[in-house]
């Protein structure tokens, strides 16, 4: 069910840095566009964006999401799509998944052997390699499954989800929020992870709900909202995220800056949620005094160029892949790429 609209008696009050949200969105998308046209750079004259790592404003265009979406559409069997999605997202690291592929030859649930996967990941760690992404912390679930090592508990969790046919229950869900509640019921999943997994599985063909139906604000987004608004009025964090999504065209026009779109697709709720998180980081550079309450006054991750090419592919149900193909054909014809 879509988020219901209620009459709000008191609207949120914008802060002095509110406009930064829209300026950052436009500038960061311009970096994305410039990089696609000129892989060598430079892509921006903004010193903070050029120096530090910020995710793309459209979540699905990030490298990790692109890897996942391509993975999901190489399969047609629901069971295999779900298994591969969860195996990848538990670690959320491309190197970990490709390592398992190289060692196993292929990854299929029908061939899943807990001990084999467990041992391979142990070897990986013994070689000094990190198997988890630093993007977010995955709780260990050790209190539920009892293994000493975190990855063992996560493999046990995945095995449990497969045994209970979690993927079949997903197909019976009537809304994105219902899918979220299902993930939230899993051992060790908090609100942030449950929502991230909901969006990830919604990329696939297993379910098909609008990304404008439901949103959950993560900790970073809550920090960003607190900086962009002095007070919330009668609005929840989710309400404010929806407000931004609904008002995007009007706000970009007001500020007379380019309205960023993903081959015609506007910012969705998940993108506006992520944007608040990235703006929170950006404001640590431009207005470090606003971070006094959170204690996070600097941007930790520096930008490191990854020159491996990306051929963008999005869920076919979004109907934008043909537009991407047309864009590439036009740019090649015009001689933009050398």
Protein backbone atom coordinates (compact mmCIF):
# COMPACT_ATOMS: atom_id res chain seq x y z
CA UNK A 1 0.00 0.00 0.00
CA UNK A 2 1.32 3.50 -0.82
CA UNK A 3 2.10 5.85 2.05
CA UNK A 4 -1.14 7.53 3.08
CA UNK A 5 -1.35 11.29 2.87
CA UNK A 6 -2.70 13.00 5.95
CA UNK A 7 -3.32 16.70 6.46
CA UNK A 8 -0.41 17.99 8.54
CA UNK A 9 -1.24 20.84 10.89
CA UNK A 10 2.35 21.97 11.24
CA UNK A 11 4.95 21.77 8.46
CA UNK A 12 8.68 21.28 9.02
CA UNK A 13 10.80 24.41 9.26
CA UNK A 14 13.72 24.60 6.83
CA UNK A 15 17.18 25.35 8.19
CA UNK A 16 19.73 27.76 6.79
CA UNK A 17 21.44 24.88 4.92
CA UNK A 18 18.26 23.33 3.50
CA UNK A 19 19.11 24.32 -0.08
CA UNK A 20 22.34 22.33 0.16
CA UNK A 21 20.28 19.16 -0.27
CA UNK A 22 19.24 20.18 -3.79
CA UNK A 23 22.54 21.75 -4.81
CA UNK A 24 24.44 18.65 -3.72
CA UNK A 25 22.02 16.36 -5.60
CA UNK A 26 22.48 18.32 -8.80
CA UNK A 27 26.28 18.56 -8.51
CA UNK A 28 26.74 14.90 -7.60
CA UNK A 29 24.62 13.75 -10.55
CA UNK A 30 26.64 16.01 -12.81
CA UNK A 31 29.75 14.14 -11.67
CA UNK A 32 28.01 10.89 -12.65
CA UNK A 33 27.12 12.28 -16.08
CA UNK A 34 30.56 13.79 -16.67
CA UNK A 35 32.29 10.57 -15.74
CA UNK A 36 30.21 8.61 -18.24
CA UNK A 37 31.22 11.06 -20.95
CA UNK A 38 34.88 11.42 -19.92
CA UNK A 39 36.31 8.56 -17.80
CA UNK A 40 39.56 10.41 -17.04
CA UNK A 41 38.12 13.57 -15.46
CA UNK A 42 38.13 16.06 -13.88
CA UNK A 43 34.39 15.85 -13.25
CA UNK A 44 33.71 18.66 -10.76
CA UNK A 45 35.22 21.84 -9.39
CA UNK A 46 33.65 21.22 -5.98
CA UNK A 47 36.65 20.51 -3.70
CA UNK A 48 34.66 18.42 -1.20
CA UNK A 49 33.01 16.19 -3.79
CA UNK A 50 36.27 15.73 -5.71
CA UNK A 51 38.22 14.77 -2.57
CA UNK A 52 35.76 12.54 -0.71
CA UNK A 53 33.70 9.49 -1.51
CA UNK A 54 29.98 10.03 -2.01
CA UNK A 55 27.57 7.48 -3.41
CA UNK A 56 25.62 8.22 -6.58
CA UNK A 57 22.34 9.97 -5.87
CA UNK A 58 20.44 7.15 -7.58
CA UNK A 59 21.10 4.09 -5.43
CA UNK A 60 20.65 1.64 -8.29
CA UNK A 61 23.48 3.25 -10.29
CA UNK A 62 26.15 2.54 -7.67
CA UNK A 63 28.67 -0.15 -8.53
CA UNK A 64 27.47 -2.60 -5.85
CA UNK A 65 23.82 -2.23 -6.86
CA UNK A 66 24.77 -2.66 -10.51
CA UNK A 67 26.60 -5.89 -9.71
CA UNK A 68 23.54 -7.16 -7.84
CA UNK A 69 21.00 -6.23 -10.52
CA UNK A 70 23.07 -7.91 -13.23
CA UNK A 71 23.34 -10.97 -11.00
CA UNK A 72 19.58 -11.10 -10.43
CA UNK A 73 18.69 -11.02 -14.11
CA UNK A 74 21.02 -13.82 -15.10
CA UNK A 75 18.56 -16.15 -13.35
CA UNK A 76 14.90 -16.97 -13.88
CA UNK A 77 14.32 -19.39 -11.02
CA UNK A 78 12.97 -17.53 -7.97
CA UNK A 79 14.84 -19.75 -5.54
CA UNK A 80 18.19 -19.09 -7.22
CA UNK A 81 17.54 -15.34 -7.56
CA UNK A 82 16.81 -15.08 -3.86
CA UNK A 83 19.79 -17.23 -2.84
CA UNK A 84 22.25 -15.23 -4.93
CA UNK A 85 20.78 -11.91 -3.82
CA UNK A 86 21.05 -12.74 -0.15
CA UNK A 87 24.47 -14.38 -0.44
CA UNK A 88 25.83 -11.28 -2.13
CA UNK A 89 24.08 -8.72 0.11
CA UNK A 90 25.00 -10.38 3.41
CA UNK A 91 28.62 -9.50 2.67
CA UNK A 92 27.78 -6.64 0.28
CA UNK A 93 31.23 -6.93 -1.26
CA UNK A 94 31.88 -7.73 -4.92
CA UNK A 95 35.30 -9.24 -4.20
CA UNK A 96 33.80 -11.75 -1.76
CA UNK A 97 31.18 -12.96 -4.22
CA UNK A 98 33.62 -13.21 -7.14
CA UNK A 99 36.05 -15.12 -4.88
CA UNK A 100 33.33 -17.69 -4.15
CA UNK A 101 32.52 -17.92 -7.86
CA UNK A 102 36.16 -18.52 -8.74
CA UNK A 103 36.53 -21.24 -6.10
CA UNK A 104 33.20 -22.97 -6.74
CA UNK A 105 32.98 -22.65 -10.50
CA UNK A 106 29.38 -21.55 -10.20
CA UNK A 107 27.08 -20.49 -7.39
CA UNK A 108 23.82 -22.40 -7.20
CA UNK A 109 21.60 -23.10 -4.23
CA UNK A 110 21.11 -26.65 -5.46
CA UNK A 111 24.86 -27.19 -4.82
CA UNK A 112 25.00 -25.24 -1.55
CA UNK A 113 27.19 -26.90 1.08
CA UNK A 114 27.41 -24.98 4.36
CA UNK A 115 30.77 -26.47 5.37
CA UNK A 116 32.33 -25.73 1.99
CA UNK A 117 31.20 -22.09 1.93
CA UNK A 118 32.18 -21.67 5.57
CA UNK A 119 35.68 -23.01 4.98
CA UNK A 120 36.24 -20.93 1.87
CA UNK A 121 35.38 -17.75 3.73
CA UNK A 122 37.65 -18.79 6.61
CA UNK A 123 40.52 -19.18 4.17
CA UNK A 124 39.73 -15.79 2.69
CA UNK A 125 40.00 -14.16 6.10
CA UNK A 126 43.16 -16.10 7.00
CA UNK A 127 44.74 -14.57 3.89
CA UNK A 128 44.08 -11.17 5.45
CA UNK A 129 41.22 -10.31 3.11
CA UNK A 130 38.12 -8.47 4.28
CA UNK A 131 34.93 -10.34 3.41
CA UNK A 132 32.40 -7.71 4.53
CA UNK A 133 31.80 -4.26 3.07
CA UNK A 134 32.32 -1.29 5.36
CA UNK A 135 29.13 0.32 4.02
CA UNK A 136 27.08 -0.91 6.96
CA UNK A 137 27.43 -3.25 9.92
CA UNK A 138 25.81 -6.65 9.64
CA UNK A 139 24.99 -7.98 13.16
CA UNK A 140 26.43 -11.45 13.78
CA UNK A 141 23.27 -13.42 14.74
CA UNK A 142 25.55 -15.47 17.00
CA UNK A 143 23.02 -15.54 19.80
CA UNK A 144 20.62 -17.34 17.47
CA UNK A 145 22.86 -19.79 15.61
CA UNK A 146 25.73 -20.16 18.08
CA UNK A 147 28.76 -20.06 15.79
CA UNK A 148 31.92 -18.28 16.90
CA UNK A 149 32.54 -16.54 13.60
CA UNK A 150 30.22 -13.97 12.14
CA UNK A 151 30.17 -15.35 8.61
CA UNK A 152 29.19 -18.82 9.86
CA UNK A 153 26.12 -17.40 11.55
CA UNK A 154 25.19 -15.54 8.39
CA UNK A 155 25.50 -18.67 6.27
CA UNK A 156 23.28 -20.43 8.81
CA UNK A 157 20.77 -17.58 8.54
CA UNK A 158 20.77 -17.85 4.76
CA UNK A 159 20.32 -21.61 4.98
CA UNK A 160 17.36 -21.12 7.33
CA UNK A 161 15.74 -18.62 4.97
CA UNK A 162 16.10 -21.05 2.09
CA UNK A 163 14.77 -23.99 4.09
CA UNK A 164 11.68 -22.04 5.18
CA UNK A 165 11.11 -20.85 1.59
CA UNK A 166 11.30 -17.19 2.48
CA UNK A 167 11.24 -16.39 -1.25
CA UNK A 168 7.76 -17.93 -1.65
CA UNK A 169 6.41 -15.77 1.15
CA UNK A 170 7.91 -12.69 -0.50
CA UNK A 171 5.88 -13.41 -3.61
CA UNK A 172 2.71 -13.45 -1.52
CA UNK A 173 3.39 -9.97 -0.07
CA UNK A 174 0.87 -7.26 -0.88
CA UNK A 175 3.09 -4.24 -0.35
CA UNK A 176 6.67 -3.06 -0.01
CA UNK A 177 6.01 -2.42 3.67
CA UNK A 178 4.91 -6.04 4.11
CA UNK A 179 8.17 -7.21 2.54
CA UNK A 180 10.04 -4.94 4.95
CA UNK A 181 8.18 -6.43 7.93
CA UNK A 182 9.15 -9.90 6.75
CA UNK A 183 12.83 -9.00 6.66
CA UNK A 184 12.52 -7.21 9.99
CA UNK A 185 11.35 -10.50 11.54
CA UNK A 186 14.63 -12.21 10.58
CA UNK A 187 17.21 -12.81 13.35
CA UNK A 188 19.52 -9.82 13.94
CA UNK A 189 17.92 -7.62 11.26
CA UNK A 190 17.23 -4.09 12.45
CA UNK A 191 15.15 -1.43 10.72
CA UNK A 192 17.99 -0.14 8.53
CA UNK A 193 19.09 -3.52 7.17
CA UNK A 194 15.53 -4.76 6.71
CA UNK A 195 14.72 -1.77 4.52
CA UNK A 196 17.95 -2.06 2.49
CA UNK A 197 17.22 -5.73 1.79
CA UNK A 198 13.65 -4.83 0.85
CA UNK A 199 14.90 -2.44 -1.82
CA UNK A 200 17.49 -4.95 -3.04
CA UNK A 201 14.98 -7.76 -3.48
CA UNK A 202 12.55 -5.35 -5.15
CA UNK A 203 15.12 -4.83 -7.92
CA UNK A 204 14.59 -8.45 -8.90
CA UNK A 205 11.70 -10.16 -10.66
CA UNK A 206 10.58 -11.81 -7.40
CA UNK A 207 8.43 -8.82 -6.44
CA UNK A 208 7.42 -5.61 -8.16
CA UNK A 209 6.45 -2.63 -6.02
CA UNK A 210 6.99 1.07 -6.61
CA UNK A 211 9.94 2.63 -4.80
CA UNK A 212 7.53 5.46 -3.99
CA UNK A 213 5.39 3.20 -1.79
CA UNK A 214 7.39 3.04 1.41
CA UNK A 215 10.56 4.34 3.06
CA UNK A 216 12.46 3.98 6.33
CA UNK A 217 14.98 6.62 7.40
CA UNK A 218 18.37 5.22 8.39
CA UNK A 219 20.67 6.80 11.01
CA UNK A 220 22.63 8.82 8.45
CA UNK A 221 19.46 10.12 6.84
CA UNK A 222 18.08 11.14 10.23
CA UNK A 223 21.26 13.16 10.83
CA UNK A 224 20.88 14.83 7.44
CA UNK A 225 17.22 15.65 8.06
CA UNK A 226 18.15 17.19 11.41
CA UNK A 227 20.61 19.48 9.65
CA UNK A 228 18.28 20.50 6.82
CA UNK A 229 15.32 21.23 9.09
CA UNK A 230 15.24 23.20 12.33
CA UNK A 231 11.97 21.55 13.38
CA UNK A 232 9.79 18.78 11.96
CA UNK A 233 6.32 20.00 12.85
CA UNK A 234 3.85 17.12 12.57
CA UNK A 235 6.06 15.30 10.07
CA UNK A 236 7.93 12.06 10.75
CA UNK A 237 11.31 11.36 9.15
CA UNK A 238 9.53 9.28 6.49
CA UNK A 239 7.09 12.13 5.86
CA UNK A 240 9.96 14.55 5.25
CA UNK A 241 11.64 12.15 2.82
CA UNK A 242 8.36 11.89 0.90
CA UNK A 243 8.03 15.68 0.96
CA UNK A 244 11.42 15.96 -0.75
CA UNK A 245 10.47 13.38 -3.38
CA UNK A 246 7.15 15.05 -4.07
CA UNK A 247 8.63 18.57 -4.26
CA UNK A 248 11.77 17.79 -6.26
CA UNK A 249 10.73 19.32 -9.57
CA UNK A 250 9.44 22.47 -7.88
CA UNK A 251 12.59 22.86 -5.78
CA UNK A 252 15.04 22.42 -8.64
CA UNK A 253 13.06 24.98 -10.63
CA UNK A 254 13.04 27.40 -7.67
CA UNK A 255 16.81 27.21 -7.35
CA UNK A 256 17.28 27.27 -11.13
CA UNK A 257 19.55 24.23 -11.11
CA UNK A 258 19.47 21.08 -13.21
CA UNK A 259 16.92 18.47 -12.11
CA UNK A 260 18.90 15.20 -11.92
CA UNK A 261 17.24 12.18 -13.48
CA UNK A 262 18.29 8.63 -14.23
CA UNK A 263 17.54 8.46 -17.94
CA UNK A 264 14.19 10.12 -17.23
CA UNK A 265 13.50 8.46 -13.87
CA UNK A 266 13.05 10.93 -11.01
CA UNK A 267 14.46 10.54 -7.51
CA UNK A 268 12.53 7.86 -5.63
CA UNK A 269 11.99 7.64 -1.87
CA UNK A 270 15.04 5.41 -1.39
CA UNK A 271 17.17 7.91 -3.34
CA UNK A 272 15.91 10.86 -1.28
CA UNK A 273 16.62 8.86 1.88
CA UNK A 274 20.18 8.13 0.75
CA UNK A 275 20.64 11.75 -0.28
CA UNK A 276 20.03 12.92 3.27
CA UNK A 277 22.81 10.58 4.40
CA UNK A 278 25.23 11.93 1.78
CA UNK A 279 24.25 15.54 2.51
CA UNK A 280 24.95 14.89 6.18
CA UNK A 281 28.50 13.93 5.18
CA UNK A 282 28.84 16.84 2.75
CA UNK A 283 27.81 19.32 5.43
CA UNK A 284 30.59 18.04 7.67
CA UNK A 285 32.90 19.63 5.11
CA UNK A 286 30.99 22.85 4.47
CA UNK A 287 29.46 23.39 7.93
CA UNK A 288 31.38 21.29 10.49
CA UNK A 289 29.78 23.24 13.33
CA UNK A 290 26.47 21.47 12.59
CA UNK A 291 27.98 18.14 13.62
CA UNK A 292 28.62 19.09 17.22
CA UNK A 293 25.68 17.04 18.47
CA UNK A 294 26.53 13.84 16.60
CA UNK A 295 30.28 14.04 17.22
CA UNK A 296 30.99 13.24 13.53
CA UNK A 297 32.67 16.36 12.19
CA UNK A 298 34.73 14.95 9.32
CA UNK A 299 34.20 12.82 6.23
CA UNK A 300 36.07 9.57 6.74
CA UNK A 301 36.29 8.10 3.24
CA UNK A 302 38.42 9.72 0.57
CA UNK A 303 37.62 9.27 -3.08
CA UNK A 304 39.61 6.54 -4.84
CA UNK A 305 39.04 6.22 -8.56
CA UNK A 306 37.80 2.89 -9.88
CA UNK A 307 38.43 2.85 -13.62
CA UNK A 308 36.88 -0.54 -14.33
CA UNK A 309 34.08 0.13 -16.83
CA UNK A 310 30.41 -0.13 -15.93
CA UNK A 311 27.77 -1.04 -18.47
CA UNK A 312 24.63 0.21 -16.81
CA UNK A 313 21.67 -2.12 -16.55
CA UNK A 314 18.57 -1.54 -14.48
CA UNK A 315 15.52 -3.65 -13.65
CA UNK A 316 13.73 -4.09 -17.00
CA UNK A 317 10.43 -3.22 -15.30
CA UNK A 318 11.70 0.39 -15.01
CA UNK A 319 11.77 0.70 -18.83
CA UNK A 320 14.95 2.76 -19.00
CA UNK A 321 17.49 0.30 -20.47
CA UNK A 322 16.55 1.19 -24.05
CA UNK A 323 17.13 4.87 -23.23
CA UNK A 324 20.63 4.02 -21.99
CA UNK A 325 21.38 2.18 -25.23
CA UNK A 326 20.17 5.16 -27.26
CA UNK A 327 22.36 7.52 -25.21
CA UNK A 328 25.47 5.42 -25.73
CA UNK A 329 24.84 5.10 -29.46
CA UNK A 330 24.37 8.88 -29.76
CA UNK A 331 27.52 9.74 -27.78
CA UNK A 332 29.64 7.34 -29.83
CA UNK A 333 28.24 8.76 -33.06
CA UNK A 334 28.99 12.29 -31.90
CA UNK A 335 32.57 11.29 -31.12
CA UNK A 336 32.49 11.99 -27.41
CA UNK A 337 34.43 8.81 -26.69
CA UNK A 338 37.89 8.51 -28.18
